Each structure stands twice: as C-alpha cells, then as structure tokens.
Amino acid sequence: MMCAKLLKKFGPKRILIVSQTNIGDVVLTCPVIDILRRDFPQAKIDVVTGPKAVSLFADNPNFTVKAFNKQAPLRQKFTWFLDLYQARYDCVVDLRRTALALFLMPHISTPLVAASIGVHKKEMHLNRLRQVYDFDTLSEKQYAVLTTKEDEQFFEGSIAPALKGQSFIVIAPGAADSAKRWHPKGFAAVADHLSATHKVVFVGDVKDAEIIDDIQGRMRTSALSLAGKINLRQLAFILKKSSWAMTHDSGIMHLACYFNVPVVALWGPTDINKYAPWTQRSVIVRRNEKCPRCRDPKSEGAHNCMSFIEVEDVIDATVRIQQ
C-alpha cells in the first residue's frame, strides 16, 4: 500500500531498510536506522548494505545485516533475494529507490519517486522515511553504529598507553578519489603545528598507510599511525574519544559527524550542499574559487581544487574549531 504509513500503536513486526554501499553513504543512512529502532523496539529489523559496511555493523544486537554483493554469482543473488522474500516484511524503507519492494510486496513501502532533490544526503534519507512514517524528532541514541565493550577494551589496552593521558585529535588524510586529497607536505606542517598541544593520531585503511608514512617522514614531531591496524568499529570508538577530527570528504568524516565529533573538513570538487559535514561544529576549508575547472565546468582537465588550499588556511581552521 504505497499511501499507507507506519503507526506506533500498530507497530510492524518486520522492517527492511535498504541502505547504501560505500561507508560514507551508509553512515548517512544511520539516522533512519536509529529512528526506526527507537520507535519500534519490538520489530525485527534487517538492513541491506554492500559488503564494505558489514564490519561496521558486526554483531549489532539492534538489527541484522543482509549484505548484497553485486559481484556475486547469479545463483547466490537468487538465494539472497529468496531469503528476503520469505521474511514477509511489513515495511520496506528503500533508501536506494530500487524496485525491490515491488517484488517483496510488503504492506507499506517507500515509493519510487524521490522525496526531495538538491538537499543534503542525510536530509534526503530522512525525508524518504517521512514518506512512510511521521517521526517527531531525531534519535539521540545511536543504534546503528554501536561501539562495544570490546572496542573500549581495545582502546584502553592498545591506544591509551601511547597517548599517555594527552588529549588527541584524529587526522584522516586518505580519500578514495585522489581529487579529494590534500598534499602530504601540508598535512605534515599542520600536524607539526598541532603536536604542540595535542597528540596527533593518523587513521585510514591499508591503502592510506603509504600516504601517512609519507606525511610522518616529513614531520619534525612524532605522531601515532593506526592506518590498516584497526577495524571500523575500533575507529568509531577512537573518533568518539577524540577532541576533534580533520578529514577530507570521506567515510571517516561522515562517521565523525554521526558521533557529533567536531570536524575540520578539507573540501575539493564534491557537491558541498549534498555532502557537507553534519556535525554541530565544523569548519570547511575550501579554495574552489581558484580552481579553473570549478569556475568553468566546461573547461578541460582534472579538478585541482585541493592544491589551492594553503597551510595557513588549515591552521586557521584548526584554531576556529577549538574556539
């Protein structure tokens, strides 16, 4: 029933939430998960994501992950779909706007038409939820990315001793798209500046380790690198404990925003209206006005927005985020 809406007093027994694939995109859908888990505590909730996000939601007691791998053999995909079909969902909240609900035939489902266009991605997902449920407020509790006692024990046993009681900031210099990355020389200069008052902790995946090694090789001071040494849940806990974070437009930025960690975001060619930091306190460092490609979309060549950001721009942003 496309026009039907969820009601608290007649709560659904089974809900399917179709999330995204990449980590940052998945985190942007977490407020929807939080609201449905808060308002329908008795419902069995399943969440569809890509394989990358499975470790972020590992052993989460609030819902079950139904990972979809588009590279999987056809027979495996059919088995995956059959598992969903046999679940007999009362409600499907499809944040990808696929035709999945047409085949699952739930009592209530989000329509294929977009809920909103040209707004921030987090708000777009919330507006999509509003198509089937008139929730009152956002959830203050984070059911989606739930750090555990094991994550805390890892931090206290493996990370805290290296910090020696000093407050720390997280720097994530990686990004999947090279056009979103600032240069290692600049990161080294800023990290040296910050080391006077904070312990600097670099984070990233295995691919980012080489970038961080380059940065640390240029630094005069010491910093801790956890690149490729921690999982996503451990990273989430470290972000929660940090004073603030400095990132590019990346999954780590959105994860920091989910936990309301202050963020300094170094911004390149991405649409800032759709993907800007959504934490309560953030400073965006951007010099797109100097980029010929940004000024004239018809111009040829790759974006080089990040190359126009100066060390002084970033240091000024770090001062402002601490005020």
Protein backbone atom coordinates (compact mmCIF):
# COMPACT_ATOMS: atom_id res chain seq x y z
CA MET A 1 0.00 0.00 0.00
CA MET A 2 2.04 2.93 -1.29
CA CYS A 3 -0.02 5.57 0.55
CA ALA A 4 -0.05 3.82 3.92
CA LYS A 5 2.11 5.00 6.81
CA LEU A 6 3.57 3.38 9.89
CA LEU A 7 1.79 4.00 13.18
CA LYS A 8 3.42 3.50 16.59
CA LYS A 9 0.37 1.86 18.14
CA PHE A 10 0.17 -0.68 15.29
CA GLY A 11 3.87 -1.32 15.02
CA PRO A 12 5.28 -3.55 12.26
CA LYS A 13 6.79 -6.91 13.14
CA ARG A 14 9.42 -6.91 10.38
CA ILE A 15 11.11 -3.92 8.71
CA LEU A 16 13.63 -3.92 5.87
CA ILE A 17 15.88 -0.88 5.39
CA VAL A 18 17.75 -0.77 2.08
CA SER A 19 20.88 1.28 2.77
CA GLN A 20 23.88 2.10 0.57
CA THR A 21 27.23 0.53 -0.40
CA ASN A 22 30.17 2.82 0.43
CA ILE A 23 30.96 3.51 4.09
CA GLY A 24 30.23 7.24 4.00
CA ASP A 25 26.95 6.73 2.17
CA VAL A 26 25.92 4.03 4.63
CA VAL A 27 26.67 6.25 7.64
CA LEU A 28 24.44 8.95 6.13
CA THR A 29 21.54 6.47 6.37
CA CYS A 30 22.21 5.60 10.03
CA PRO A 31 19.82 8.26 11.46
CA VAL A 32 16.99 6.43 9.66
CA ILE A 33 18.03 3.15 11.31
CA ASP A 34 18.22 4.88 14.69
CA ILE A 35 14.70 6.32 14.44
CA LEU A 36 13.07 3.06 13.41
CA ARG A 37 14.89 1.09 16.10
CA ARG A 38 13.93 3.67 18.74
CA ASP A 39 10.26 3.89 17.79
CA PHE A 40 9.65 0.21 17.01
CA PRO A 41 11.73 -1.64 19.61
CA GLN A 42 9.81 -4.91 19.18
CA ALA A 43 10.24 -5.07 15.41
CA LYS A 44 12.73 -7.36 13.71
CA ILE A 45 14.83 -5.03 11.54
CA ASP A 46 17.05 -6.11 8.64
CA VAL A 47 19.42 -3.72 6.84
CA VAL A 48 20.72 -4.21 3.30
CA THR A 49 24.22 -2.84 2.67
CA GLY A 50 27.20 -3.57 0.48
CA PRO A 51 30.00 -5.83 1.80
CA LYS A 52 32.17 -2.86 2.88
CA ALA A 53 29.79 -1.87 5.68
CA VAL A 54 29.39 -5.31 7.22
CA SER A 55 32.29 -4.83 9.66
CA LEU A 56 30.81 -1.50 10.78
CA PHE A 57 27.64 -3.30 11.85
CA ALA A 58 29.28 -6.54 13.04
CA ASP A 59 27.40 -8.29 15.86
CA ASN A 60 24.99 -5.37 16.22
CA PRO A 61 22.13 -6.55 18.50
CA ASN A 62 19.69 -3.99 17.10
CA PHE A 63 19.34 -5.37 13.58
CA THR A 64 20.62 -7.98 11.14
CA VAL A 65 22.72 -7.11 8.09
CA LYS A 66 21.74 -8.61 4.75
CA ALA A 67 24.83 -7.81 2.68
CA PHE A 68 24.34 -7.70 -1.07
CA ASN A 69 27.35 -8.32 -3.29
CA LYS A 70 26.66 -7.26 -6.86
CA GLN A 71 29.73 -9.23 -7.96
CA ALA A 72 28.29 -12.48 -6.58
CA PRO A 73 27.19 -15.32 -8.91
CA LEU A 74 23.58 -15.22 -10.08
CA ARG A 75 22.64 -18.27 -8.00
CA GLN A 76 23.93 -16.59 -4.84
CA LYS A 77 21.97 -13.44 -5.63
CA PHE A 78 18.80 -15.51 -6.08
CA THR A 79 19.34 -17.17 -2.70
CA TRP A 80 19.81 -13.72 -1.14
CA PHE A 81 16.56 -12.45 -2.67
CA LEU A 82 14.66 -15.58 -1.66
CA ASP A 83 15.78 -15.06 1.95
CA LEU A 84 14.29 -11.55 1.86
CA TYR A 85 11.09 -12.72 0.18
CA GLN A 86 10.48 -15.41 2.78
CA ALA A 87 10.88 -12.85 5.59
CA ARG A 88 7.49 -11.32 4.68
CA TYR A 89 8.31 -7.74 5.64
CA ASP A 90 5.55 -5.45 6.86
CA CYS A 91 7.51 -2.39 5.75
CA VAL A 92 10.36 -1.69 3.32
CA VAL A 93 12.20 1.63 3.59
CA ASP A 94 14.27 1.72 0.42
CA LEU A 95 16.88 4.49 0.59
CA ARG A 96 18.30 3.48 -2.79
CA ARG A 97 14.98 3.76 -4.66
CA THR A 98 15.22 0.30 -6.20
CA ALA A 99 12.35 -1.89 -7.37
CA LEU A 100 12.98 -4.40 -4.58
CA ALA A 101 9.75 -3.60 -2.72
CA LEU A 102 7.70 -4.39 -5.83
CA PHE A 103 8.88 -7.99 -5.62
CA LEU A 104 8.84 -8.32 -1.81
CA MET A 105 5.26 -6.99 -1.64
CA PRO A 106 5.26 -5.51 1.89
CA HIS A 107 2.19 -3.86 3.42
CA ILE A 108 3.99 -0.47 3.43
CA SER A 109 6.89 0.70 1.28
CA THR A 110 8.55 3.91 0.20
CA PRO A 111 7.52 4.95 -3.32
CA LEU A 112 9.96 5.01 -6.22
CA VAL A 113 9.55 8.78 -6.63
CA ALA A 114 12.16 10.91 -4.88
CA ALA A 115 11.25 12.54 -1.59
CA SER A 116 13.45 15.55 -2.19
CA ILE A 117 16.02 16.80 -4.66
CA GLY A 118 19.04 19.05 -4.11
CA VAL A 119 19.21 18.68 -0.32
CA HIS A 120 21.86 17.18 1.93
CA LYS A 121 22.01 13.39 1.64
CA LYS A 122 21.20 12.86 5.32
CA GLU A 123 18.08 15.01 5.00
CA MET A 124 17.16 13.25 1.76
CA HIS A 125 17.14 9.89 3.58
CA LEU A 126 15.12 11.33 6.47
CA ASN A 127 12.62 12.80 4.03
CA ARG A 128 12.37 9.40 2.39
CA LEU A 129 11.50 7.88 5.75
CA ARG A 130 8.84 10.58 6.23
CA GLN A 131 7.08 9.24 3.14
CA VAL A 132 6.04 6.23 5.25
CA TYR A 133 6.47 7.41 8.84
CA ASP A 134 5.83 10.81 10.50
CA PHE A 135 8.52 10.66 13.18
CA ASP A 136 8.73 13.52 15.67
CA THR A 137 12.44 14.02 16.36
CA LEU A 138 15.81 12.54 15.57
CA SER A 139 17.10 9.79 17.81
CA GLU A 140 19.59 10.78 20.49
CA LYS A 141 20.69 7.18 20.88
CA GLN A 142 22.91 5.59 18.24
CA TYR A 143 21.59 2.12 17.50
CA ALA A 144 23.25 1.78 14.11
CA VAL A 145 26.96 2.20 14.81
CA LEU A 146 27.16 0.67 18.26
CA THR A 147 30.64 0.51 19.73
CA THR A 148 31.04 -2.31 22.24
CA LYS A 149 32.86 -3.10 25.46
CA GLU A 150 35.45 -4.91 23.35
CA ASP A 151 36.15 -1.71 21.41
CA GLU A 152 36.61 0.18 24.68
CA GLN A 153 38.94 -2.51 25.99
CA PHE A 154 40.97 -2.34 22.79
CA PHE A 155 41.28 1.42 23.18
CA GLU A 156 42.29 1.25 26.83
CA GLY A 157 44.75 -1.58 26.28
CA SER A 158 46.34 -0.66 22.93
CA ILE A 159 45.77 3.06 22.27
CA ALA A 160 45.51 4.86 25.62
CA PRO A 161 49.04 3.88 26.80
CA ALA A 162 50.53 5.56 23.71
CA LEU A 163 48.52 8.73 24.40
CA LYS A 164 49.82 9.00 27.99
CA GLY A 165 46.74 10.88 29.12
CA GLN A 166 47.15 13.59 26.48
CA SER A 167 44.12 14.84 24.56
CA PHE A 168 44.25 13.77 20.95
CA ILE A 169 42.92 14.66 17.55
CA VAL A 170 42.29 12.35 14.63
CA ILE A 171 43.67 13.15 11.18
CA ALA A 172 42.42 11.10 8.20
CA PRO A 173 44.45 12.15 5.13
CA GLY A 174 43.04 9.49 2.82
CA ALA A 175 40.19 9.58 0.31
CA ALA A 176 39.16 7.09 -2.35
CA ASP A 177 39.23 9.81 -5.02
CA SER A 178 42.66 11.43 -5.42
CA ALA A 179 40.95 14.70 -6.43
CA LYS A 180 39.68 14.96 -2.83
CA ARG A 181 43.13 14.65 -1.21
CA TRP A 182 45.34 17.44 0.09
CA HIS A 183 49.12 17.06 -0.28
CA PRO A 184 51.31 15.24 2.34
CA LYS A 185 53.59 18.25 2.78
CA GLY A 186 50.67 20.34 4.00
CA PHE A 187 49.44 17.65 6.38
CA ALA A 188 52.94 17.34 7.84
CA ALA A 189 53.16 21.07 8.53
CA VAL A 190 49.72 21.20 10.16
CA ALA A 191 50.36 18.05 12.21
CA ASP A 192 53.64 19.53 13.49
CA HIS A 193 51.75 22.68 14.50
CA LEU A 194 49.06 20.70 16.32
CA SER A 195 51.57 18.47 18.12
CA ALA A 196 52.39 21.35 20.45
CA THR A 197 49.00 20.96 22.16
CA HIS A 198 47.60 17.58 21.12
CA LYS A 199 48.64 14.07 20.39
CA VAL A 200 48.11 13.50 16.67
CA VAL A 201 46.58 10.17 15.65
CA PHE A 202 46.51 9.29 11.96
CA VAL A 203 43.83 6.84 10.77
CA GLY A 204 42.95 5.19 7.50
CA ASP A 205 42.85 1.84 5.76
CA VAL A 206 45.75 -0.18 4.40
CA LYS A 207 45.79 1.90 1.21
CA ASP A 208 46.21 5.09 3.26
CA ALA A 209 49.24 3.74 5.15
CA GLU A 210 51.61 4.77 2.37
CA ILE A 211 50.24 8.34 2.39
CA ILE A 212 50.59 8.53 6.17
CA ASP A 213 54.14 7.15 6.04
CA ASP A 214 54.97 9.96 3.60
CA ILE A 215 53.44 12.55 5.95
CA GLN A 216 55.25 11.21 9.01
CA GLY A 217 58.53 11.17 7.10
CA ARG A 218 58.15 14.94 6.58
CA MET A 219 57.25 15.73 10.21
CA ARG A 220 59.60 17.08 12.87
CA THR A 221 57.42 15.73 15.69
CA SER A 222 56.09 12.25 16.41
CA ALA A 223 52.55 11.02 15.76
CA LEU A 224 50.68 7.76 16.13
CA SER A 225 49.56 5.97 12.97
CA LEU A 226 46.77 3.38 13.12
CA ALA A 227 46.35 3.05 9.35
CA GLY A 228 45.42 -0.51 8.47
CA LYS A 229 45.73 -1.61 12.11
CA ILE A 230 42.16 -1.17 13.36
CA ASN A 231 38.71 -2.15 12.16
CA LEU A 232 35.81 0.21 11.53
CA ARG A 233 34.22 -0.29 14.95
CA GLN A 234 37.52 0.45 16.70
CA LEU A 235 37.91 3.53 14.51
CA ALA A 236 34.42 4.64 15.52
CA PHE A 237 35.32 4.38 19.21
CA ILE A 238 38.56 6.30 18.68
CA LEU A 239 36.65 9.06 16.90
CA LYS A 240 34.18 9.27 19.80
CA LYS A 241 37.07 9.74 22.25
CA SER A 242 38.91 12.36 20.18
CA SER A 243 38.80 16.12 20.74
CA TRP A 244 38.06 16.71 17.08
CA ALA A 245 38.93 15.33 13.65
CA MET A 246 40.48 16.65 10.44
CA THR A 247 39.42 14.84 7.28
CA HIS A 248 38.68 15.10 3.61
CA ASP A 249 35.20 14.47 2.23
CA SER A 250 35.28 10.79 3.17
CA GLY A 251 33.57 8.00 5.05
CA ILE A 252 35.58 8.88 8.16
CA MET A 253 34.23 12.44 8.03
CA HIS A 254 30.64 11.17 8.00
CA LEU A 255 31.41 8.70 10.79
CA ALA A 256 32.77 11.55 12.92
CA CYS A 257 29.63 13.57 12.14
CA TYR A 258 27.39 10.68 13.19
CA PHE A 259 29.02 10.81 16.64
CA ASN A 260 28.80 14.63 16.64
CA VAL A 261 32.59 15.00 16.75
CA PRO A 262 33.77 18.49 15.66
CA VAL A 263 35.27 18.32 12.17
CA VAL A 264 37.70 20.34 10.07
CA ALA A 265 36.91 19.25 6.51
CA LEU A 266 39.31 19.93 3.64
CA TRP A 267 37.00 20.25 0.67
CA GLY A 268 37.52 19.65 -3.02
CA PRO A 269 35.18 19.17 -6.00
CA THR A 270 32.31 17.30 -4.27
CA ASP A 271 28.87 18.94 -4.08
CA ILE A 272 29.05 20.66 -0.70
CA ASN A 273 25.27 21.08 -0.48
CA LYS A 274 24.76 17.31 -0.52
CA TYR A 275 27.75 16.03 1.44
CA ALA A 276 28.93 18.77 3.83
CA PRO A 277 29.75 17.87 7.46
CA TRP A 278 26.55 17.47 9.52
CA THR A 279 28.04 17.58 13.00
CA GLN A 280 27.04 20.53 15.21
CA ARG A 281 30.51 22.09 14.95
CA SER A 282 32.52 22.07 11.75
CA VAL A 283 34.86 24.25 9.71
CA ILE A 284 35.19 23.72 5.97
CA VAL A 285 38.44 24.67 4.25
CA ARG A 286 37.80 25.34 0.59
CA ARG A 287 39.53 27.33 -2.17
CA ASN A 288 37.42 26.30 -5.15
CA GLU A 289 37.23 29.89 -6.35
CA LYS A 290 40.83 29.48 -7.55
CA CYS A 291 40.16 26.25 -9.47
CA PRO A 292 39.58 26.86 -13.21
CA ARG A 293 37.51 23.69 -13.52
CA CYS A 294 35.19 24.74 -10.70
CA ARG A 295 34.76 28.23 -12.14
CA ASP A 296 34.03 26.85 -15.59
CA PRO A 297 32.58 23.30 -15.69
CA LYS A 298 33.21 23.23 -19.45
CA SER A 299 36.96 23.61 -19.02
CA GLU A 300 39.09 20.54 -19.65
CA GLY A 301 41.41 18.76 -17.24
CA ALA A 302 41.10 17.22 -13.82
CA HIS A 303 39.98 19.12 -10.73
CA ASN A 304 42.88 20.52 -8.73
CA CYS A 305 40.84 22.33 -6.05
CA MET A 306 42.87 20.86 -3.20
CA SER A 307 46.18 22.23 -4.49
CA PHE A 308 44.98 25.78 -3.80
CA ILE A 309 44.48 25.16 -0.07
CA GLU A 310 47.35 26.72 1.90
CA VAL A 311 48.80 25.54 5.21
CA GLU A 312 47.72 28.83 6.77
CA ASP A 313 44.11 28.17 5.69
CA VAL A 314 44.10 24.85 7.53
CA ILE A 315 45.86 26.13 10.65
CA ASP A 316 43.31 28.95 10.86
CA ALA A 317 40.53 26.35 10.64
CA THR A 318 42.08 24.32 13.48
CA VAL A 319 42.11 27.43 15.64
CA ARG A 320 38.46 28.16 14.88
CA ILE A 321 37.28 24.61 15.63
CA GLN A 322 38.74 24.88 19.12
CA GLN A 323 37.16 28.24 20.00
